[in-house]
PDB file of N, CA and C in Angstrom:
ATOM      1  N   MET A   1     101.551 112.099  92.611  1.00  0.00           N
ATOM      2  CA  MET A   1     100.485 112.090  93.125  1.00  0.00           C
ATOM      3  C   MET A   1      99.996 110.742  93.992  1.00  0.00           C
ATOM      4  N   ALA A   2      99.589 110.644  95.036  1.00  0.00           N
ATOM      5  CA  ALA A   2      99.757 109.888  96.336  1.00  0.00           C
ATOM      6  C   ALA A   2      98.353 109.126  95.622  1.00  0.00           C
ATOM      7  N   GLU A   3      98.495 107.867  96.000  1.00  0.00           N
ATOM      8  CA  GLU A   3      97.698 106.914  96.132  1.00  0.00           C
ATOM      9  C   GLU A   3      96.548 106.868  96.948  1.00  0.00           C
ATOM     10  N   LYS A   4      95.194 106.686  96.487  1.00  0.00           N
ATOM     11  CA  LYS A   4      93.778 106.455  97.159  1.00  0.00           C
ATOM     12  C   LYS A   4      94.026 105.532  98.010  1.00  0.00           C
ATOM     13  N   SER A   5      93.449 105.331  99.160  1.00  0.00           N
ATOM     14  CA  SER A   5      93.377 103.877  99.731  1.00  0.00           C
ATOM     15  C   SER A   5      91.736 103.875 100.560  1.00  0.00           C
ATOM     16  N   TYR A   6      90.519 103.670  99.444  1.00  0.00           N
ATOM     17  CA  TYR A   6      89.432 103.398  99.796  1.00  0.00           C
ATOM     18  C   TYR A   6      89.512 102.356 100.919  1.00  0.00           C
ATOM     19  N   ALA A   7      89.892 101.143 101.257  1.00  0.00           N
ATOM     20  CA  ALA A   7      89.792 100.309 102.029  1.00  0.00           C
ATOM     21  C   ALA A   7      90.027 100.960 103.460  1.00  0.00           C
ATOM     22  N   ASP A   8      90.388 102.452 103.590  1.00  0.00           N
ATOM     23  CA  ASP A   8      90.512 103.065 104.950  1.00  0.00           C
ATOM     24  C   ASP A   8      89.119 103.753 105.293  1.00  0.00           C
ATOM     25  N   THR A   9      88.202 103.859 104.154  1.00  0.00           N
ATOM     26  CA  THR A   9      86.501 104.496 104.264  1.00  0.00           C
ATOM     27  C   THR A   9      85.969 103.643 103.569  1.00  0.00           C
ATOM     28  N   PHE A  10      85.883 102.838 102.939  1.00  0.00           N
ATOM     29  CA  PHE A  10      85.077 101.691 102.233  1.00  0.00           C
ATOM     30  C   PHE A  10      84.315 100.859 103.354  1.00  0.00           C
ATOM     31  N   ASP A  11      82.864 100.944 103.281  1.00  0.00           N
ATOM     32  CA  ASP A  11      82.323  99.647 104.048  1.00  0.00           C
ATOM     33  C   ASP A  11      81.417  98.876 103.013  1.00  0.00           C
ATOM     34  N   PRO A  12      82.000  97.603 102.940  1.00  0.00           N
ATOM     35  CA  PRO A  12      81.349  96.756 102.107  1.00  0.00           C
ATOM     36  C   PRO A  12      80.016  96.418 102.658  1.00  0.00           C
ATOM     37  N   ALA A  13      79.690  96.111 103.753  1.00  0.00           N
ATOM     38  CA  ALA A  13      78.420  95.572 104.436  1.00  0.00           C
ATOM     39  C   ALA A  13      76.990  96.921 103.852  1.00  0.00           C
ATOM     40  N   THR A  14      77.682  97.966 103.694  1.00  0.00           N
ATOM     41  CA  THR A  14      76.513  99.147 103.563  1.00  0.00           C
ATOM     42  C   THR A  14      76.852  99.388 102.237  1.00  0.00           C
ATOM     43  N   ALA A  15      77.768  99.075 101.158  1.00  0.00           N
ATOM     44  CA  ALA A  15      77.659  98.972  99.768  1.00  0.00           C
ATOM     45  C   ALA A  15      76.586  98.972  99.084  1.00  0.00           C
ATOM     46  N   GLN A  16      76.265  99.945  97.998  1.00  0.00           N
ATOM     47  CA  GLN A  16      75.053  99.066  96.942  1.00  0.00           C
ATOM     48  C   GLN A  16      75.980  98.470  95.763  1.00  0.00           C
ATOM     49  N   TRP A  17      76.026  96.926  96.141  1.00  0.00           N
ATOM     50  CA  TRP A  17      76.331  96.420  94.907  1.00  0.00           C
ATOM     51  C   TRP A  17      75.297  95.749  93.886  1.00  0.00           C
ATOM     52  N   LEU A  18      75.841  96.022  92.938  1.00  0.00           N
ATOM     53  CA  LEU A  18      75.033  95.591  91.551  1.00  0.00           C
ATOM     54  C   LEU A  18      76.046  94.283  90.875  1.00  0.00           C
ATOM     55  N   ARG A  19      74.854  93.921  89.927  1.00  0.00           N
ATOM     56  CA  ARG A  19      75.365  92.188  89.472  1.00  0.00           C
ATOM     57  C   ARG A  19      74.247  91.680  88.606  1.00  0.00           C
ATOM     58  N   ALA A  20      75.665  91.641  87.499  1.00  0.00           N
ATOM     59  CA  ALA A  20      74.730  90.966  86.005  1.00  0.00           C
ATOM     60  C   ALA A  20      73.346  89.983  86.588  1.00  0.00           C
ATOM     61  N   ASP A  21      72.435  90.010  85.916  1.00  0.00           N
ATOM     62  CA  ASP A  21      71.320  89.077  85.864  1.00  0.00           C
ATOM     63  C   ASP A  21      71.765  87.794  85.053  1.00  0.00           C
ATOM     64  N   GLY A  22      71.714  86.367  85.827  1.00  0.00           N
ATOM     65  CA  GLY A  22      71.989  85.315  85.463  1.00  0.00           C
ATOM     66  C   GLY A  22      71.813  84.072  86.162  1.00  0.00           C
ATOM     67  N   SER A  23      71.754  83.038  85.839  1.00  0.00           N
ATOM     68  CA  SER A  23      71.490  81.742  86.593  1.00  0.00           C
ATOM     69  C   SER A  23      73.450  81.650  87.351  1.00  0.00           C
ATOM     70  N   GLY A  24      73.391  80.615  88.540  1.00  0.00           N
ATOM     71  CA  GLY A  24      74.424  80.343  88.824  1.00  0.00           C
ATOM     72  C   GLY A  24      75.075  80.744  90.268  1.00  0.00           C
ATOM     73  N   MET A  25      76.096  80.406  90.742  1.00  0.00           N
ATOM     74  CA  MET A  25      76.408  80.397  92.300  1.00  0.00           C
ATOM     75  C   MET A  25      76.895  81.658  92.869  1.00  0.00           C
ATOM     76  N   GLU A  26      77.568  81.984  91.557  1.00  0.00           N
ATOM     77  CA  GLU A  26      78.997  83.182  91.748  1.00  0.00           C
ATOM     78  C   GLU A  26      79.053  84.286  90.786  1.00  0.00           C
ATOM     79  N   HIS A  27      78.717  85.436  91.571  1.00  0.00           N
ATOM     80  CA  HIS A  27      78.528  86.419  90.430  1.00  0.00           C
ATOM     81  C   HIS A  27      79.460  87.489  90.699  1.00  0.00           C
ATOM     82  N   VAL A  28      80.392  88.284  89.643  1.00  0.00           N
ATOM     83  CA  VAL A  28      81.030  89.178  89.651  1.00  0.00           C
ATOM     84  C   VAL A  28      80.060  90.536  90.558  1.00  0.00           C
ATOM     85  N   GLU A  29      80.337  91.282  91.081  1.00  0.00           N
ATOM     86  CA  GLU A  29      79.605  92.522  92.290  1.00  0.00           C
ATOM     87  C   GLU A  29      80.346  93.755  91.882  1.00  0.00           C
ATOM     88  N   ILE A  30      80.029  94.669  91.283  1.00  0.00           N
ATOM     89  CA  ILE A  30      80.232  96.304  91.499  1.00  0.00           C
ATOM     90  C   ILE A  30      79.810  97.275  92.086  1.00  0.00           C
ATOM     91  N   CYS A  31      80.052  98.235  92.464  1.00  0.00           N
ATOM     92  CA  CYS A  31      79.751  99.256  93.250  1.00  0.00           C
ATOM     93  C   CYS A  31      80.804 100.371  93.027  1.00  0.00           C
ATOM     94  N   ARG A  32      80.013 100.903  92.477  1.00  0.00           N
ATOM     95  CA  ARG A  32      80.027 102.244  92.105  1.00  0.00           C
ATOM     96  C   ARG A  32      80.669 103.229  93.196  1.00  0.00           C
ATOM     97  N   LEU A  33      81.919 104.066  92.882  1.00  0.00           N
ATOM     98  CA  LEU A  33      82.627 105.016  94.090  1.00  0.00           C
ATOM     99  C   LEU A  33      82.206 106.337  93.902  1.00  0.00           C
ATOM    100  N   ALA A  34      81.907 107.266  94.694  1.00  0.00           N
ATOM    101  CA  ALA A  34      81.853 108.588  94.634  1.00  0.00           C
ATOM    102  C   ALA A  34      82.367 109.673  93.670  1.00  0.00           C
ATOM    103  N   ASP A  35      83.669 108.913  93.717  1.00  0.00           N
ATOM    104  CA  ASP A  35      84.841 109.639  92.376  1.00  0.00           C
ATOM    105  C   ASP A  35      85.046 109.372  91.388  1.00  0.00           C
ATOM    106  N   GLY A  36      83.818 108.464  90.906  1.00  0.00           N
ATOM    107  CA  GLY A  36      83.803 107.724  89.710  1.00  0.00           C
ATOM    108  C   GLY A  36      84.846 106.128  89.874  1.00  0.00           C
ATOM    109  N   GLY A  37      85.223 106.038  90.856  1.00  0.00           N
ATOM    110  CA  GLY A  37      86.199 104.931  90.682  1.00  0.00           C
ATOM    111  C   GLY A  37      84.804 103.690  91.082  1.00  0.00           C
ATOM    112  N   ALA A  38      85.221 102.585  91.355  1.00  0.00           N
ATOM    113  CA  ALA A  38      85.033 101.241  91.369  1.00  0.00           C
ATOM    114  C   ALA A  38      85.326 100.294  92.338  1.00  0.00           C
ATOM    115  N   ALA A  39      84.233  99.449  93.080  1.00  0.00           N
ATOM    116  CA  ALA A  39      85.107  98.292  93.604  1.00  0.00           C
ATOM    117  C   ALA A  39      84.189  97.183  93.078  1.00  0.00           C
ATOM    118  N   MET A  40      84.840  95.933  93.285  1.00  0.00           N
ATOM    119  CA  MET A  40      84.637  94.613  92.626  1.00  0.00           C
ATOM    120  C   MET A  40      85.156  93.432  93.659  1.00  0.00           C
ATOM    121  N   ARG A  41      83.544  92.933  93.878  1.00  0.00           N
ATOM    122  CA  ARG A  41      83.931  91.759  94.441  1.00  0.00           C
ATOM    123  C   ARG A  41      83.024  90.300  93.601  1.00  0.00           C
ATOM    124  N   ASN A  42      83.847  89.086  94.513  1.00  0.00           N
ATOM    125  CA  ASN A  42      83.144  87.857  93.997  1.00  0.00           C
ATOM    126  C   ASN A  42      82.254  87.467  95.204  1.00  0.00           C
ATOM    127  N   SER A  43      80.981  87.427  94.587  1.00  0.00           N
ATOM    128  CA  SER A  43      80.092  87.189  95.807  1.00  0.00           C
ATOM    129  C   SER A  43      79.929  85.651  96.333  1.00  0.00           C
ATOM    130  N   SER A  44      81.125  85.121  95.588  1.00  0.00           N
ATOM    131  CA  SER A  44      81.649  83.930  96.881  1.00  0.00           C
ATOM    132  C   SER A  44      82.764  83.957  97.803  1.00  0.00           C
ATOM    133  N   ASP A  45      83.312  84.963  97.691  1.00  0.00           N
ATOM    134  CA  ASP A  45      84.172  85.747  98.756  1.00  0.00           C
ATOM    135  C   ASP A  45      84.181  87.449  98.835  1.00  0.00           C
ATOM    136  N   PRO A  46      82.853  87.580  99.803  1.00  0.00           N
ATOM    137  CA  PRO A  46      82.490  88.875  99.528  1.00  0.00           C
ATOM    138  C   PRO A  46      83.346  90.268 100.269  1.00  0.00           C
ATOM    139  N   GLY A  47      84.837  89.022 101.196  1.00  0.00           N
ATOM    140  CA  GLY A  47      85.565  90.116 102.164  1.00  0.00           C
ATOM    141  C   GLY A  47      86.596  90.274 100.998  1.00  0.00           C
ATOM    142  N   THR A  48      86.571  89.859 100.342  1.00  0.00           N
ATOM    143  CA  THR A  48      87.911  90.559  99.333  1.00  0.00           C
ATOM    144  C   THR A  48      87.461  91.319  98.080  1.00  0.00           C
ATOM    145  N   VAL A  49      87.754  92.757  98.256  1.00  0.00           N
ATOM    146  CA  VAL A  49      87.045  93.703  97.305  1.00  0.00           C
ATOM    147  C   VAL A  49      88.637  94.469  96.534  1.00  0.00           C
ATOM    148  N   LEU A  50      88.531  94.275  95.446  1.00  0.00           N
ATOM    149  CA  LEU A  50      89.591  95.133  94.646  1.00  0.00           C
ATOM    150  C   LEU A  50      88.570  96.244  94.275  1.00  0.00           C
ATOM    151  N   PHE A  51      90.144  97.360  94.559  1.00  0.00           N
ATOM    152  CA  PHE A  51      89.262  98.978  94.030  1.00  0.00           C
ATOM    153  C   PHE A  51      89.975  99.194  92.528  1.00  0.00           C
ATOM    154  N   PHE A  52      89.800  99.991  92.322  1.00  0.00           N
ATOM    155  CA  PHE A  52      90.000 100.449  91.187  1.00  0.00           C
ATOM    156  C   PHE A  52      89.579 102.389  91.133  1.00  0.00           C
ATOM    157  N   THR A  53      90.850 102.952  90.270  1.00  0.00           N
ATOM    158  CA  THR A  53      90.649 104.385  90.513  1.00  0.00           C
ATOM    159  C   THR A  53      89.553 104.505  88.822  1.00  0.00           C
ATOM    160  N   ARG A  54      89.058 105.936  88.851  1.00  0.00           N
ATOM    161  CA  ARG A  54      88.314 106.656  87.678  1.00  0.00           C
ATOM    162  C   ARG A  54      89.202 106.085  86.872  1.00  0.00           C
ATOM    163  N   ALA A  55      90.430 106.196  86.257  1.00  0.00           N
ATOM    164  CA  ALA A  55      90.948 106.009  85.171  1.00  0.00           C
ATOM    165  C   ALA A  55      90.997 104.422  84.720  1.00  0.00           C
ATOM    166  N   GLU A  56      91.614 103.974  85.969  1.00  0.00           N
ATOM    167  CA  GLU A  56      91.415 102.567  85.433  1.00  0.00           C
ATOM    168  C   GLU A  56      90.057 101.735  85.680  1.00  0.00           C
ATOM    169  N   TRP A  57      89.374 102.115  86.100  1.00  0.00           N
ATOM    170  CA  TRP A  57      88.116 101.595  85.650  1.00  0.00           C
ATOM    171  C   TRP A  57      87.463 102.008  84.225  1.00  0.00           C
ATOM    172  N   GLU A  58      87.997 103.294  83.974  1.00  0.00           N
ATOM    173  CA  GLU A  58      87.453 103.842  82.198  1.00  0.00           C
ATOM    174  C   GLU A  58      88.130 103.171  81.472  1.00  0.00           C
ATOM    175  N   ALA A  59      89.214 102.643  81.701  1.00  0.00           N
ATOM    176  CA  ALA A  59      90.196 101.944  80.807  1.00  0.00           C
ATOM    177  C   ALA A  59      90.275 100.710  80.237  1.00  0.00           C
ATOM    178  N   PHE A  60      89.636  99.863  81.963  1.00  0.00           N
ATOM    179  CA  PHE A  60      88.875  98.408  81.637  1.00  0.00           C
ATOM    180  C   PHE A  60      87.417  98.221  80.687  1.00  0.00           C
ATOM    181  N   THR A  61      86.693  99.305  81.739  1.00  0.00           N
ATOM    182  CA  THR A  61      85.400  99.382  80.428  1.00  0.00           C
ATOM    183  C   THR A  61      85.708  99.717  78.927  1.00  0.00           C
ATOM    184  N   GLY A  62      86.692 100.432  78.754  1.00  0.00           N
ATOM    185  CA  GLY A  62      86.889 100.737  77.265  1.00  0.00           C
ATOM    186  C   GLY A  62      87.096  99.826  76.829  1.00  0.00           C
ATOM    187  N   GLY A  63      87.916  99.136  77.249  1.00  0.00           N
ATOM    188  CA  GLY A  63      88.866  97.706  76.784  1.00  0.00           C
ATOM    189  C   GLY A  63      87.225  96.495  76.665  1.00  0.00           C
ATOM    190  N   VAL A  64      86.423  96.701  77.321  1.00  0.00           N
ATOM    191  CA  VAL A  64      85.653  95.501  77.303  1.00  0.00           C
ATOM    192  C   VAL A  64      84.589  96.188  75.747  1.00  0.00           C
ATOM    193  N   GLY A  65      84.389  97.407  76.185  1.00  0.00           N
ATOM    194  CA  GLY A  65      83.588  97.827  75.154  1.00  0.00           C
ATOM    195  C   GLY A  65      83.987  97.962  73.800  1.00  0.00           C
ATOM    196  N   ASP A  66      85.510  97.542  73.385  1.00  0.00           N
ATOM    197  CA  ASP A  66      86.465  97.593  72.038  1.00  0.00           C
ATOM    198  C   ASP A  66      86.563  96.401  71.890  1.00  0.00           C
ATOM    199  N   GLY A  67      85.780  94.756  72.707  1.00  0.00           N
ATOM    200  CA  GLY A  67      86.751  93.748  72.320  1.00  0.00           C
ATOM    201  C   GLY A  67      87.867  93.135  72.824  1.00  0.00           C
ATOM    202  N   GLU A  68      88.268  93.848  73.673  1.00  0.00           N
ATOM    203  CA  GLU A  68      89.843  93.199  74.149  1.00  0.00           C
ATOM    204  C   GLU A  68      89.856  92.412  74.716  1.00  0.00           C
ATOM    205  N   PHE A  69      88.829  92.111  75.855  1.00  0.00           N
ATOM    206  CA  PHE A  69      88.732  90.350  76.120  1.00  0.00           C
ATOM    207  C   PHE A  69      88.025  89.715  75.572  1.00  0.00           C
ATOM    208  N   ASP A  70      87.496  89.618  74.570  1.00  0.00           N
ATOM    209  CA  ASP A  70      86.658  88.754  73.853  1.00  0.00           C
ATOM    210  C   ASP A  70      87.502  87.420  74.034  1.00  0.00           C
ATOM    211  N   LEU A  71      87.436  86.319  73.758  1.00  0.00           N
ATOM    212  CA  LEU A  71      87.661  85.371  73.880  1.00  0.00           C
ATOM    213  C   LEU A  71      87.592  84.620  72.906  1.00  0.00           C
TER     214      LEU A  71
END
């Protein structure tokens, strides 16, 4: 299976970014992609965007829900 290259067609300037409410200067921002994947960036560095396939995003969010990343 060929890897998708989201960066070729993704426009971060027009994307609908979501962020958690809270105080502070920096936020992690998430944008859901049409195929179920996600894009993620740090508000202090909006030019750097990480892309996750649907399977990667589901594995990550599942791990969060299971407490895999609790400190």
